[in-house]
Amino acid sequence: NTVYLQMNSLKPEDTAVYSCATRQIRTQ
């Protein structure tokens, strides 16, 4: 039940609060 975000070659402009989000979609 986990999603990941692998971030490489990070830059100063990547500085932020990172949030995950979801919606349920059974048929697609």
mmCIF file of all heavy atoms, coordinates in Angstrom:
data_MODEL
# 
_entry.id   MODEL 
# 
loop_
_atom_site.group_PDB 
_atom_site.id 
_atom_site.type_symbol 
_atom_site.label_atom_id 
_atom_site.label_alt_id 
_atom_site.label_comp_id 
_atom_site.label_asym_id 
_atom_site.label_entity_id 
_atom_site.label_seq_id 
_atom_site.pdbx_PDB_ins_code 
_atom_site.Cartn_x 
_atom_site.Cartn_y 
_atom_site.Cartn_z 
_atom_site.occupancy 
_atom_site.B_iso_or_equiv 
_atom_site.pdbx_formal_charge 
_atom_site.auth_seq_id 
_atom_site.auth_comp_id 
_atom_site.auth_asym_id 
_atom_site.auth_atom_id 
_atom_site.pdbx_PDB_model_num 
ATOM 1   N N   . ASN A 1 1  ? 0.828   -1.219 0.000   1.00 0.00 ? 1  ASN A N   1 
ATOM 2   C CA  . ASN A 1 1  ? 0.000   0.000  0.000   1.00 0.00 ? 1  ASN A CA  1 
ATOM 3   C C   . ASN A 1 1  ? 0.857   1.263  0.000   1.00 0.00 ? 1  ASN A C   1 
ATOM 4   O O   . ASN A 1 1  ? 0.548   2.244  0.701   1.00 0.00 ? 1  ASN A O   1 
ATOM 5   C CB  . ASN A 1 1  ? -0.942  0.023  1.219   1.00 0.00 ? 1  ASN A CB  1 
ATOM 6   C CG  . ASN A 1 1  ? -2.149  -0.858 1.017   1.00 0.00 ? 1  ASN A CG  1 
ATOM 7   O OD1 . ASN A 1 1  ? -2.147  -1.748 0.180   1.00 0.00 ? 1  ASN A OD1 1 
ATOM 8   N ND2 . ASN A 1 1  ? -3.184  -0.637 1.822   1.00 0.00 ? 1  ASN A ND2 1 
ATOM 9   N N   . THR A 1 2  ? 1.912   1.248  -0.786  1.00 0.00 ? 2  THR A N   1 
ATOM 10  C CA  . THR A 1 2  ? 2.863   2.360  -0.749  1.00 0.00 ? 2  THR A CA  1 
ATOM 11  C C   . THR A 1 2  ? 3.248   2.795  -2.160  1.00 0.00 ? 2  THR A C   1 
ATOM 12  O O   . THR A 1 2  ? 3.454   1.951  -3.042  1.00 0.00 ? 2  THR A O   1 
ATOM 13  C CB  . THR A 1 2  ? 4.120   1.967  0.035   1.00 0.00 ? 2  THR A CB  1 
ATOM 14  O OG1 . THR A 1 2  ? 3.747   1.592  1.371   1.00 0.00 ? 2  THR A OG1 1 
ATOM 15  C CG2 . THR A 1 2  ? 5.106   3.122  0.113   1.00 0.00 ? 2  THR A CG2 1 
ATOM 16  N N   . VAL A 1 3  ? 3.350   4.105  -2.320  1.00 0.00 ? 3  VAL A N   1 
ATOM 17  C CA  . VAL A 1 3  ? 3.878   4.671  -3.552  1.00 0.00 ? 3  VAL A CA  1 
ATOM 18  C C   . VAL A 1 3  ? 5.157   5.434  -3.204  1.00 0.00 ? 3  VAL A C   1 
ATOM 19  O O   . VAL A 1 3  ? 5.280   5.986  -2.102  1.00 0.00 ? 3  VAL A O   1 
ATOM 20  C CB  . VAL A 1 3  ? 2.851   5.601  -4.236  1.00 0.00 ? 3  VAL A CB  1 
ATOM 21  C CG1 . VAL A 1 3  ? 2.525   6.803  -3.369  1.00 0.00 ? 3  VAL A CG1 1 
ATOM 22  C CG2 . VAL A 1 3  ? 3.341   6.027  -5.607  1.00 0.00 ? 3  VAL A CG2 1 
ATOM 23  N N   . TYR A 1 4  ? 6.101   5.429  -4.115  1.00 0.00 ? 4  TYR A N   1 
ATOM 24  C CA  . TYR A 1 4  ? 7.405   6.023  -3.880  1.00 0.00 ? 4  TYR A CA  1 
ATOM 25  C C   . TYR A 1 4  ? 7.710   7.085  -4.940  1.00 0.00 ? 4  TYR A C   1 
ATOM 26  O O   . TYR A 1 4  ? 7.189   7.046  -6.049  1.00 0.00 ? 4  TYR A O   1 
ATOM 27  C CB  . TYR A 1 4  ? 8.491   4.950  -3.932  1.00 0.00 ? 4  TYR A CB  1 
ATOM 28  C CG  . TYR A 1 4  ? 8.279   3.808  -2.988  1.00 0.00 ? 4  TYR A CG  1 
ATOM 29  C CD1 . TYR A 1 4  ? 7.589   2.667  -3.387  1.00 0.00 ? 4  TYR A CD1 1 
ATOM 30  C CD2 . TYR A 1 4  ? 8.776   3.845  -1.690  1.00 0.00 ? 4  TYR A CD2 1 
ATOM 31  C CE1 . TYR A 1 4  ? 7.378   1.607  -2.527  1.00 0.00 ? 4  TYR A CE1 1 
ATOM 32  C CE2 . TYR A 1 4  ? 8.583   2.786  -0.818  1.00 0.00 ? 4  TYR A CE2 1 
ATOM 33  C CZ  . TYR A 1 4  ? 7.880   1.680  -1.240  1.00 0.00 ? 4  TYR A CZ  1 
ATOM 34  O OH  . TYR A 1 4  ? 7.687   0.631  -0.371  1.00 0.00 ? 4  TYR A OH  1 
ATOM 35  N N   . LEU A 1 5  ? 8.596   7.999  -4.558  1.00 0.00 ? 5  LEU A N   1 
ATOM 36  C CA  . LEU A 1 5  ? 9.137   8.947  -5.518  1.00 0.00 ? 5  LEU A CA  1 
ATOM 37  C C   . LEU A 1 5  ? 10.641  8.975  -5.313  1.00 0.00 ? 5  LEU A C   1 
ATOM 38  O O   . LEU A 1 5  ? 11.129  9.508  -4.315  1.00 0.00 ? 5  LEU A O   1 
ATOM 39  C CB  . LEU A 1 5  ? 8.538   10.345 -5.323  1.00 0.00 ? 5  LEU A CB  1 
ATOM 40  C CG  . LEU A 1 5  ? 8.963   11.372 -6.378  1.00 0.00 ? 5  LEU A CG  1 
ATOM 41  C CD1 . LEU A 1 5  ? 8.356   11.009 -7.741  1.00 0.00 ? 5  LEU A CD1 1 
ATOM 42  C CD2 . LEU A 1 5  ? 8.547   12.784 -5.973  1.00 0.00 ? 5  LEU A CD2 1 
ATOM 43  N N   . GLN A 1 6  ? 11.342  8.373  -6.247  1.00 0.00 ? 6  GLN A N   1 
ATOM 44  C CA  . GLN A 1 6  ? 12.805  8.395  -6.229  1.00 0.00 ? 6  GLN A CA  1 
ATOM 45  C C   . GLN A 1 6  ? 13.262  9.656  -6.933  1.00 0.00 ? 6  GLN A C   1 
ATOM 46  O O   . GLN A 1 6  ? 12.925  9.866  -8.111  1.00 0.00 ? 6  GLN A O   1 
ATOM 47  C CB  . GLN A 1 6  ? 13.356  7.156  -6.930  1.00 0.00 ? 6  GLN A CB  1 
ATOM 48  C CG  . GLN A 1 6  ? 14.873  7.123  -7.022  1.00 0.00 ? 6  GLN A CG  1 
ATOM 49  C CD  . GLN A 1 6  ? 15.535  6.975  -5.676  1.00 0.00 ? 6  GLN A CD  1 
ATOM 50  O OE1 . GLN A 1 6  ? 15.083  6.198  -4.835  1.00 0.00 ? 6  GLN A OE1 1 
ATOM 51  N NE2 . GLN A 1 6  ? 16.608  7.733  -5.447  1.00 0.00 ? 6  GLN A NE2 1 
ATOM 52  N N   . MET A 1 7  ? 14.010  10.478 -6.220  1.00 0.00 ? 7  MET A N   1 
ATOM 53  C CA  . MET A 1 7  ? 14.455  11.753 -6.769  1.00 0.00 ? 7  MET A CA  1 
ATOM 54  C C   . MET A 1 7  ? 15.974  11.766 -6.840  1.00 0.00 ? 7  MET A C   1 
ATOM 55  O O   . MET A 1 7  ? 16.643  11.656 -5.811  1.00 0.00 ? 7  MET A O   1 
ATOM 56  C CB  . MET A 1 7  ? 13.953  12.903 -5.903  1.00 0.00 ? 7  MET A CB  1 
ATOM 57  C CG  . MET A 1 7  ? 12.441  12.900 -5.707  1.00 0.00 ? 7  MET A CG  1 
ATOM 58  S SD  . MET A 1 7  ? 11.832  14.371 -4.863  1.00 0.00 ? 7  MET A SD  1 
ATOM 59  C CE  . MET A 1 7  ? 12.588  14.152 -3.258  1.00 0.00 ? 7  MET A CE  1 
ATOM 60  N N   . ASN A 1 8  ? 16.500  11.881 -8.033  1.00 0.00 ? 8  ASN A N   1 
ATOM 61  C CA  . ASN A 1 8  ? 17.936  11.930 -8.270  1.00 0.00 ? 8  ASN A CA  1 
ATOM 62  C C   . ASN A 1 8  ? 18.336  13.276 -8.849  1.00 0.00 ? 8  ASN A C   1 
ATOM 63  O O   . ASN A 1 8  ? 17.483  14.030 -9.339  1.00 0.00 ? 8  ASN A O   1 
ATOM 64  C CB  . ASN A 1 8  ? 18.351  10.811 -9.226  1.00 0.00 ? 8  ASN A CB  1 
ATOM 65  C CG  . ASN A 1 8  ? 18.037  9.433  -8.685  1.00 0.00 ? 8  ASN A CG  1 
ATOM 66  O OD1 . ASN A 1 8  ? 18.059  9.191  -7.487  1.00 0.00 ? 8  ASN A OD1 1 
ATOM 67  N ND2 . ASN A 1 8  ? 17.738  8.497  -9.583  1.00 0.00 ? 8  ASN A ND2 1 
ATOM 68  N N   . SER A 1 9  ? 19.623  13.561 -8.797  1.00 0.00 ? 9  SER A N   1 
ATOM 69  C CA  . SER A 1 9  ? 20.152  14.814 -9.362  1.00 0.00 ? 9  SER A CA  1 
ATOM 70  C C   . SER A 1 9  ? 19.343  16.012 -8.877  1.00 0.00 ? 9  SER A C   1 
ATOM 71  O O   . SER A 1 9  ? 18.940  16.882 -9.666  1.00 0.00 ? 9  SER A O   1 
ATOM 72  C CB  . SER A 1 9  ? 20.119  14.748 -10.893 1.00 0.00 ? 9  SER A CB  1 
ATOM 73  O OG  . SER A 1 9  ? 20.865  13.652 -11.370 1.00 0.00 ? 9  SER A OG  1 
ATOM 74  N N   . LEU A 1 10 ? 19.132  16.069 -7.589  1.00 0.00 ? 10 LEU A N   1 
ATOM 75  C CA  . LEU A 1 10 ? 18.292  17.130 -7.022  1.00 0.00 ? 10 LEU A CA  1 
ATOM 76  C C   . LEU A 1 10 ? 18.937  18.497 -7.189  1.00 0.00 ? 10 LEU A C   1 
ATOM 77  O O   . LEU A 1 10 ? 20.172  18.645 -7.152  1.00 0.00 ? 10 LEU A O   1 
ATOM 78  C CB  . LEU A 1 10 ? 18.018  16.842 -5.552  1.00 0.00 ? 10 LEU A CB  1 
ATOM 79  C CG  . LEU A 1 10 ? 16.958  15.756 -5.322  1.00 0.00 ? 10 LEU A CG  1 
ATOM 80  C CD1 . LEU A 1 10 ? 17.028  15.208 -3.906  1.00 0.00 ? 10 LEU A CD1 1 
ATOM 81  C CD2 . LEU A 1 10 ? 15.573  16.306 -5.613  1.00 0.00 ? 10 LEU A CD2 1 
ATOM 82  N N   . LYS A 1 11 ? 18.073  19.481 -7.357  1.00 0.00 ? 11 LYS A N   1 
ATOM 83  C CA  . LYS A 1 11 ? 18.498  20.862 -7.557  1.00 0.00 ? 11 LYS A CA  1 
ATOM 84  C C   . LYS A 1 11 ? 17.880  21.732 -6.463  1.00 0.00 ? 11 LYS A C   1 
ATOM 85  O O   . LYS A 1 11 ? 16.828  21.382 -5.906  1.00 0.00 ? 11 LYS A O   1 
ATOM 86  C CB  . LYS A 1 11 ? 18.010  21.360 -8.917  1.00 0.00 ? 11 LYS A CB  1 
ATOM 87  C CG  . LYS A 1 11 ? 18.414  20.506 -10.095 1.00 0.00 ? 11 LYS A CG  1 
ATOM 88  C CD  . LYS A 1 11 ? 17.765  21.012 -11.374 1.00 0.00 ? 11 LYS A CD  1 
ATOM 89  C CE  . LYS A 1 11 ? 18.111  20.136 -12.554 1.00 0.00 ? 11 LYS A CE  1 
ATOM 90  N NZ  . LYS A 1 11 ? 17.460  20.611 -13.816 1.00 0.00 ? 11 LYS A NZ  1 
ATOM 91  N N   . PRO A 1 12 ? 18.481  22.865 -6.164  1.00 0.00 ? 12 PRO A N   1 
ATOM 92  C CA  . PRO A 1 12 ? 17.894  23.766 -5.165  1.00 0.00 ? 12 PRO A CA  1 
ATOM 93  C C   . PRO A 1 12 ? 16.442  24.129 -5.483  1.00 0.00 ? 12 PRO A C   1 
ATOM 94  O O   . PRO A 1 12 ? 15.627  24.294 -4.563  1.00 0.00 ? 12 PRO A O   1 
ATOM 95  C CB  . PRO A 1 12 ? 18.812  24.986 -5.216  1.00 0.00 ? 12 PRO A CB  1 
ATOM 96  C CG  . PRO A 1 12 ? 20.137  24.424 -5.605  1.00 0.00 ? 12 PRO A CG  1 
ATOM 97  C CD  . PRO A 1 12 ? 19.810  23.338 -6.598  1.00 0.00 ? 12 PRO A CD  1 
ATOM 98  N N   . GLU A 1 13 ? 16.101  24.218 -6.737  1.00 0.00 ? 13 GLU A N   1 
ATOM 99  C CA  . GLU A 1 13 ? 14.727  24.564 -7.107  1.00 0.00 ? 13 GLU A CA  1 
ATOM 100 C C   . GLU A 1 13 ? 13.737  23.426 -6.859  1.00 0.00 ? 13 GLU A C   1 
ATOM 101 O O   . GLU A 1 13 ? 12.522  23.622 -7.026  1.00 0.00 ? 13 GLU A O   1 
ATOM 102 C CB  . GLU A 1 13 ? 14.649  25.019 -8.573  1.00 0.00 ? 13 GLU A CB  1 
ATOM 103 C CG  . GLU A 1 13 ? 15.291  24.070 -9.559  1.00 0.00 ? 13 GLU A CG  1 
ATOM 104 C CD  . GLU A 1 13 ? 16.710  24.496 -9.924  1.00 0.00 ? 13 GLU A CD  1 
ATOM 105 O OE1 . GLU A 1 13 ? 17.486  24.871 -9.007  1.00 0.00 ? 13 GLU A OE1 1 
ATOM 106 O OE2 . GLU A 1 13 ? 17.037  24.428 -11.140 1.00 0.00 ? 13 GLU A OE2 1 
ATOM 107 N N   . ASP A 1 14 ? 14.227  22.263 -6.458  1.00 0.00 ? 14 ASP A N   1 
ATOM 108 C CA  . ASP A 1 14 ? 13.330  21.171 -6.065  1.00 0.00 ? 14 ASP A CA  1 
ATOM 109 C C   . ASP A 1 14 ? 12.878  21.318 -4.613  1.00 0.00 ? 14 ASP A C   1 
ATOM 110 O O   . ASP A 1 14 ? 12.034  20.537 -4.146  1.00 0.00 ? 14 ASP A O   1 
ATOM 111 C CB  . ASP A 1 14 ? 14.020  19.819 -6.235  1.00 0.00 ? 14 ASP A CB  1 
ATOM 112 C CG  . ASP A 1 14 ? 14.312  19.485 -7.685  1.00 0.00 ? 14 ASP A CG  1 
ATOM 113 O OD1 . ASP A 1 14 ? 13.444  19.744 -8.541  1.00 0.00 ? 14 ASP A OD1 1 
ATOM 114 O OD2 . ASP A 1 14 ? 15.408  18.961 -7.955  1.00 0.00 ? 14 ASP A OD2 1 
ATOM 115 N N   . THR A 1 15 ? 13.436  22.284 -3.906  1.00 0.00 ? 15 THR A N   1 
ATOM 116 C CA  . THR A 1 15 ? 13.058  22.503 -2.517  1.00 0.00 ? 15 THR A CA  1 
ATOM 117 C C   . THR A 1 15 ? 11.571  22.835 -2.420  1.00 0.00 ? 15 THR A C   1 
ATOM 118 O O   . THR A 1 15 ? 11.082  23.763 -3.071  1.00 0.00 ? 15 THR A O   1 
ATOM 119 C CB  . THR A 1 15 ? 13.885  23.646 -1.908  1.00 0.00 ? 15 THR A CB  1 
ATOM 120 O OG1 . THR A 1 15 ? 15.248  23.253 -1.860  1.00 0.00 ? 15 THR A OG1 1 
ATOM 121 C CG2 . THR A 1 15 ? 13.395  23.979 -0.507  1.00 0.00 ? 15 THR A CG2 1 
ATOM 122 N N   . ALA A 1 16 ? 10.853  22.045 -1.611  1.00 0.00 ? 16 ALA A N   1 
ATOM 123 C CA  . ALA A 1 16 ? 9.400   22.213 -1.494  1.00 0.00 ? 16 ALA A CA  1 
ATOM 124 C C   . ALA A 1 16 ? 8.874   21.214 -0.471  1.00 0.00 ? 16 ALA A C   1 
ATOM 125 O O   . ALA A 1 16 ? 9.594   20.309 -0.038  1.00 0.00 ? 16 ALA A O   1 
ATOM 126 C CB  . ALA A 1 16 ? 8.721   21.970 -2.839  1.00 0.00 ? 16 ALA A CB  1 
ATOM 127 N N   . VAL A 1 17 ? 7.612   21.384 -0.134  1.00 0.00 ? 17 VAL A N   1 
ATOM 128 C CA  . VAL A 1 17 ? 6.889   20.351 0.602   1.00 0.00 ? 17 VAL A CA  1 
ATOM 129 C C   . VAL A 1 17 ? 6.254   19.433 -0.431  1.00 0.00 ? 17 VAL A C   1 
ATOM 130 O O   . VAL A 1 17 ? 5.502   19.889 -1.298  1.00 0.00 ? 17 VAL A O   1 
ATOM 131 C CB  . VAL A 1 17 ? 5.807   20.963 1.512   1.00 0.00 ? 17 VAL A CB  1 
ATOM 132 C CG1 . VAL A 1 17 ? 4.981   19.852 2.157   1.00 0.00 ? 17 VAL A CG1 1 
ATOM 133 C CG2 . VAL A 1 17 ? 6.441   21.843 2.578   1.00 0.00 ? 17 VAL A CG2 1 
ATOM 134 N N   . TYR A 1 18 ? 6.567   18.158 -0.320  1.00 0.00 ? 18 TYR A N   1 
ATOM 135 C CA  . TYR A 1 18 ? 6.065   17.163 -1.274  1.00 0.00 ? 18 TYR A CA  1 
ATOM 136 C C   . TYR A 1 18 ? 4.902   16.401 -0.629  1.00 0.00 ? 18 TYR A C   1 
ATOM 137 O O   . TYR A 1 18 ? 5.031   15.883 0.483   1.00 0.00 ? 18 TYR A O   1 
ATOM 138 C CB  . TYR A 1 18 ? 7.170   16.197 -1.665  1.00 0.00 ? 18 TYR A CB  1 
ATOM 139 C CG  . TYR A 1 18 ? 8.156   16.799 -2.626  1.00 0.00 ? 18 TYR A CG  1 
ATOM 140 C CD1 . TYR A 1 18 ? 9.058   17.775 -2.203  1.00 0.00 ? 18 TYR A CD1 1 
ATOM 141 C CD2 . TYR A 1 18 ? 8.183   16.421 -3.968  1.00 0.00 ? 18 TYR A CD2 1 
ATOM 142 C CE1 . TYR A 1 18 ? 9.950   18.357 -3.091  1.00 0.00 ? 18 TYR A CE1 1 
ATOM 143 C CE2 . TYR A 1 18 ? 9.081   16.981 -4.859  1.00 0.00 ? 18 TYR A CE2 1 
ATOM 144 C CZ  . TYR A 1 18 ? 9.957   17.959 -4.411  1.00 0.00 ? 18 TYR A CZ  1 
ATOM 145 O OH  . TYR A 1 18 ? 10.849  18.527 -5.297  1.00 0.00 ? 18 TYR A OH  1 
ATOM 146 N N   . SER A 1 19 ? 3.809   16.327 -1.373  1.00 0.00 ? 19 SER A N   1 
ATOM 147 C CA  . SER A 1 19 ? 2.611   15.652 -0.870  1.00 0.00 ? 19 SER A CA  1 
ATOM 148 C C   . SER A 1 19 ? 2.150   14.592 -1.861  1.00 0.00 ? 19 SER A C   1 
ATOM 149 O O   . SER A 1 19 ? 2.236   14.796 -3.079  1.00 0.00 ? 19 SER A O   1 
ATOM 150 C CB  . SER A 1 19 ? 1.473   16.647 -0.662  1.00 0.00 ? 19 SER A CB  1 
ATOM 151 O OG  . SER A 1 19 ? 1.814   17.663 0.247   1.00 0.00 ? 19 SER A OG  1 
ATOM 152 N N   . CYS A 1 20 ? 1.649   13.508 -1.327  1.00 0.00 ? 20 CYS A N   1 
ATOM 153 C CA  . CYS A 1 20 ? 1.037   12.526 -2.203  1.00 0.00 ? 20 CYS A CA  1 
ATOM 154 C C   . CYS A 1 20 ? -0.477  12.682 -2.154  1.00 0.00 ? 20 CYS A C   1 
ATOM 155 O O   . CYS A 1 20 ? -1.026  13.244 -1.194  1.00 0.00 ? 20 CYS A O   1 
ATOM 156 C CB  . CYS A 1 20 ? 1.434   11.098 -1.845  1.00 0.00 ? 20 CYS A CB  1 
ATOM 157 S SG  . CYS A 1 20 ? 0.899   10.542 -0.235  1.00 0.00 ? 20 CYS A SG  1 
ATOM 158 N N   . ALA A 1 21 ? -1.121  12.213 -3.195  1.00 0.00 ? 21 ALA A N   1 
ATOM 159 C CA  . ALA A 1 21 ? -2.572  12.348 -3.306  1.00 0.00 ? 21 ALA A CA  1 
ATOM 160 C C   . ALA A 1 21 ? -3.123  11.126 -4.015  1.00 0.00 ? 21 ALA A C   1 
ATOM 161 O O   . ALA A 1 21 ? -2.401  10.436 -4.740  1.00 0.00 ? 21 ALA A O   1 
ATOM 162 C CB  . ALA A 1 21 ? -2.936  13.609 -4.064  1.00 0.00 ? 21 ALA A CB  1 
ATOM 163 N N   . THR A 1 22 ? -4.424  10.883 -3.822  1.00 0.00 ? 22 THR A N   1 
ATOM 164 C CA  . THR A 1 22 ? -5.023  9.720  -4.437  1.00 0.00 ? 22 THR A CA  1 
ATOM 165 C C   . THR A 1 22 ? -6.486  9.924  -4.761  1.00 0.00 ? 22 THR A C   1 
ATOM 166 O O   . THR A 1 22 ? -7.158  10.780 -4.192  1.00 0.00 ? 22 THR A O   1 
ATOM 167 C CB  . THR A 1 22 ? -4.882  8.496  -3.506  1.00 0.00 ? 22 THR A CB  1 
ATOM 168 O OG1 . THR A 1 22 ? -5.342  7.325  -4.203  1.00 0.00 ? 22 THR A OG1 1 
ATOM 169 C CG2 . THR A 1 22 ? -5.712  8.669  -2.241  1.00 0.00 ? 22 THR A CG2 1 
ATOM 170 N N   . ARG A 1 23 ? -6.941  9.143  -5.714  1.00 0.00 ? 23 ARG A N   1 
ATOM 171 C CA  . ARG A 1 23 ? -8.367  9.013  -5.953  1.00 0.00 ? 23 ARG A CA  1 
ATOM 172 C C   . ARG A 1 23 ? -8.604  7.574  -6.395  1.00 0.00 ? 23 ARG A C   1 
ATOM 173 O O   . ARG A 1 23 ? -7.743  6.952  -7.022  1.00 0.00 ? 23 ARG A O   1 
ATOM 174 C CB  . ARG A 1 23 ? -8.885  9.981  -7.002  1.00 0.00 ? 23 ARG A CB  1 
ATOM 175 C CG  . ARG A 1 23 ? -8.386  9.739  -8.402  1.00 0.00 ? 23 ARG A CG  1 
ATOM 176 C CD  . ARG A 1 23 ? -9.121  10.596 -9.390  1.00 0.00 ? 23 ARG A CD  1 
ATOM 177 N NE  . ARG A 1 23 ? -10.467 10.095 -9.681  1.00 0.00 ? 23 ARG A NE  1 
ATOM 178 C CZ  . ARG A 1 23 ? -11.369 10.788 -10.357 1.00 0.00 ? 23 ARG A CZ  1 
ATOM 179 N NH1 . ARG A 1 23 ? -11.110 12.016 -10.779 1.00 0.00 ? 23 ARG A NH1 1 
ATOM 180 N NH2 . ARG A 1 23 ? -12.548 10.278 -10.610 1.00 0.00 ? 23 ARG A NH2 1 
ATOM 181 N N   . GLN A 1 24 ? -9.739  7.072  -6.044  1.00 0.00 ? 24 GLN A N   1 
ATOM 182 C CA  . GLN A 1 24 ? -10.059 5.697  -6.380  1.00 0.00 ? 24 GLN A CA  1 
ATOM 183 C C   . GLN A 1 24 ? -10.675 5.646  -7.772  1.00 0.00 ? 24 GLN A C   1 
ATOM 184 O O   . GLN A 1 24 ? -11.534 6.463  -8.115  1.00 0.00 ? 24 GLN A O   1 
ATOM 185 C CB  . GLN A 1 24 ? -11.030 5.109  -5.358  1.00 0.00 ? 24 GLN A CB  1 
ATOM 186 C CG  . GLN A 1 24 ? -11.167 3.600  -5.458  1.00 0.00 ? 24 GLN A CG  1 
ATOM 187 C CD  . GLN A 1 24 ? -11.920 3.032  -4.268  1.00 0.00 ? 24 GLN A CD  1 
ATOM 188 O OE1 . GLN A 1 24 ? -12.812 3.671  -3.722  1.00 0.00 ? 24 GLN A OE1 1 
ATOM 189 N NE2 . GLN A 1 24 ? -11.534 1.837  -3.855  1.00 0.00 ? 24 GLN A NE2 1 
ATOM 190 N N   . ILE A 1 25 ? -10.219 4.665  -8.568  1.00 0.00 ? 25 ILE A N   1 
ATOM 191 C CA  . ILE A 1 25 ? -10.721 4.549  -9.933  1.00 0.00 ? 25 ILE A CA  1 
ATOM 192 C C   . ILE A 1 25 ? -10.749 3.070  -10.284 1.00 0.00 ? 25 ILE A C   1 
ATOM 193 O O   . ILE A 1 25 ? -9.777  2.503  -10.780 1.00 0.00 ? 25 ILE A O   1 
ATOM 194 C CB  . ILE A 1 25 ? -9.850  5.378  -10.912 1.00 0.00 ? 25 ILE A CB  1 
ATOM 195 C CG1 . ILE A 1 25 ? -10.402 5.328  -12.316 1.00 0.00 ? 25 ILE A CG1 1 
ATOM 196 C CG2 . ILE A 1 25 ? -8.399  4.963  -10.854 1.00 0.00 ? 25 ILE A CG2 1 
ATOM 197 C CD1 . ILE A 1 25 ? -11.627 6.206  -12.500 1.00 0.00 ? 25 ILE A CD1 1 
ATOM 198 N N   . ARG A 1 26 ? -11.896 2.428  -10.044 1.00 0.00 ? 26 ARG A N   1 
ATOM 199 C CA  . ARG A 1 26 ? -11.975 0.973  -10.151 1.00 0.00 ? 26 ARG A CA  1 
ATOM 200 C C   . ARG A 1 26 ? -11.972 0.460  -11.577 1.00 0.00 ? 26 ARG A C   1 
ATOM 201 O O   . ARG A 1 26 ? -11.491 -0.627 -11.864 1.00 0.00 ? 26 ARG A O   1 
ATOM 202 C CB  . ARG A 1 26 ? -13.233 0.484  -9.445  1.00 0.00 ? 26 ARG A CB  1 
ATOM 203 C CG  . ARG A 1 26 ? -13.211 0.624  -7.931  1.00 0.00 ? 26 ARG A CG  1 
ATOM 204 C CD  . ARG A 1 26 ? -14.378 -0.092 -7.296  1.00 0.00 ? 26 ARG A CD  1 
ATOM 205 N NE  . ARG A 1 26 ? -14.328 -0.062 -5.842  1.00 0.00 ? 26 ARG A NE  1 
ATOM 206 C CZ  . ARG A 1 26 ? -14.892 0.877  -5.117  1.00 0.00 ? 26 ARG A CZ  1 
ATOM 207 N NH1 . ARG A 1 26 ? -15.554 1.857  -5.693  1.00 0.00 ? 26 ARG A NH1 1 
ATOM 208 N NH2 . ARG A 1 26 ? -14.814 0.836  -3.811  1.00 0.00 ? 26 ARG A NH2 1 
ATOM 209 N N   . THR A 1 27 ? -12.524 1.253  -12.501 1.00 0.00 ? 27 THR A N   1 
ATOM 210 C CA  . THR A 1 27 ? -12.774 0.717  -13.834 1.00 0.00 ? 27 THR A CA  1 
ATOM 211 C C   . THR A 1 27 ? -11.755 1.136  -14.879 1.00 0.00 ? 27 THR A C   1 
ATOM 212 O O   . THR A 1 27 ? -11.868 0.745  -16.034 1.00 0.00 ? 27 THR A O   1 
ATOM 213 C CB  . THR A 1 27 ? -14.169 1.170  -14.309 1.00 0.00 ? 27 THR A CB  1 
ATOM 214 O OG1 . THR A 1 27 ? -14.204 2.597  -14.334 1.00 0.00 ? 27 THR A OG1 1 
ATOM 215 C CG2 . THR A 1 27 ? -15.245 0.640  -13.375 1.00 0.00 ? 27 THR A CG2 1 
ATOM 216 N N   . GLN A 1 28 ? -10.771 1.952  -14.501 1.00 0.00 ? 28 GLN A N   1 
ATOM 217 C CA  . GLN A 1 28 ? -9.783  2.424  -15.473 1.00 0.00 ? 28 GLN A CA  1 
ATOM 218 C C   . GLN A 1 28 ? -8.384  2.215  -14.912 1.00 0.00 ? 28 GLN A C   1 
ATOM 219 O O   . GLN A 1 28 ? -7.776  3.156  -14.410 1.00 0.00 ? 28 GLN A O   1 
ATOM 220 C CB  . GLN A 1 28 ? -10.022 3.898  -15.790 1.00 0.00 ? 28 GLN A CB  1 
ATOM 221 C CG  . GLN A 1 28 ? -11.388 4.192  -16.386 1.00 0.00 ? 28 GLN A CG  1 
ATOM 222 C CD  . GLN A 1 28 ? -11.573 5.679  -16.603 1.00 0.00 ? 28 GLN A CD  1 
ATOM 223 O OE1 . GLN A 1 28 ? -10.699 6.358  -17.136 1.00 0.00 ? 28 GLN A OE1 1 
ATOM 224 N NE2 . GLN A 1 28 ? -12.726 6.201  -16.204 1.00 0.00 ? 28 GLN A NE2 1 
# 
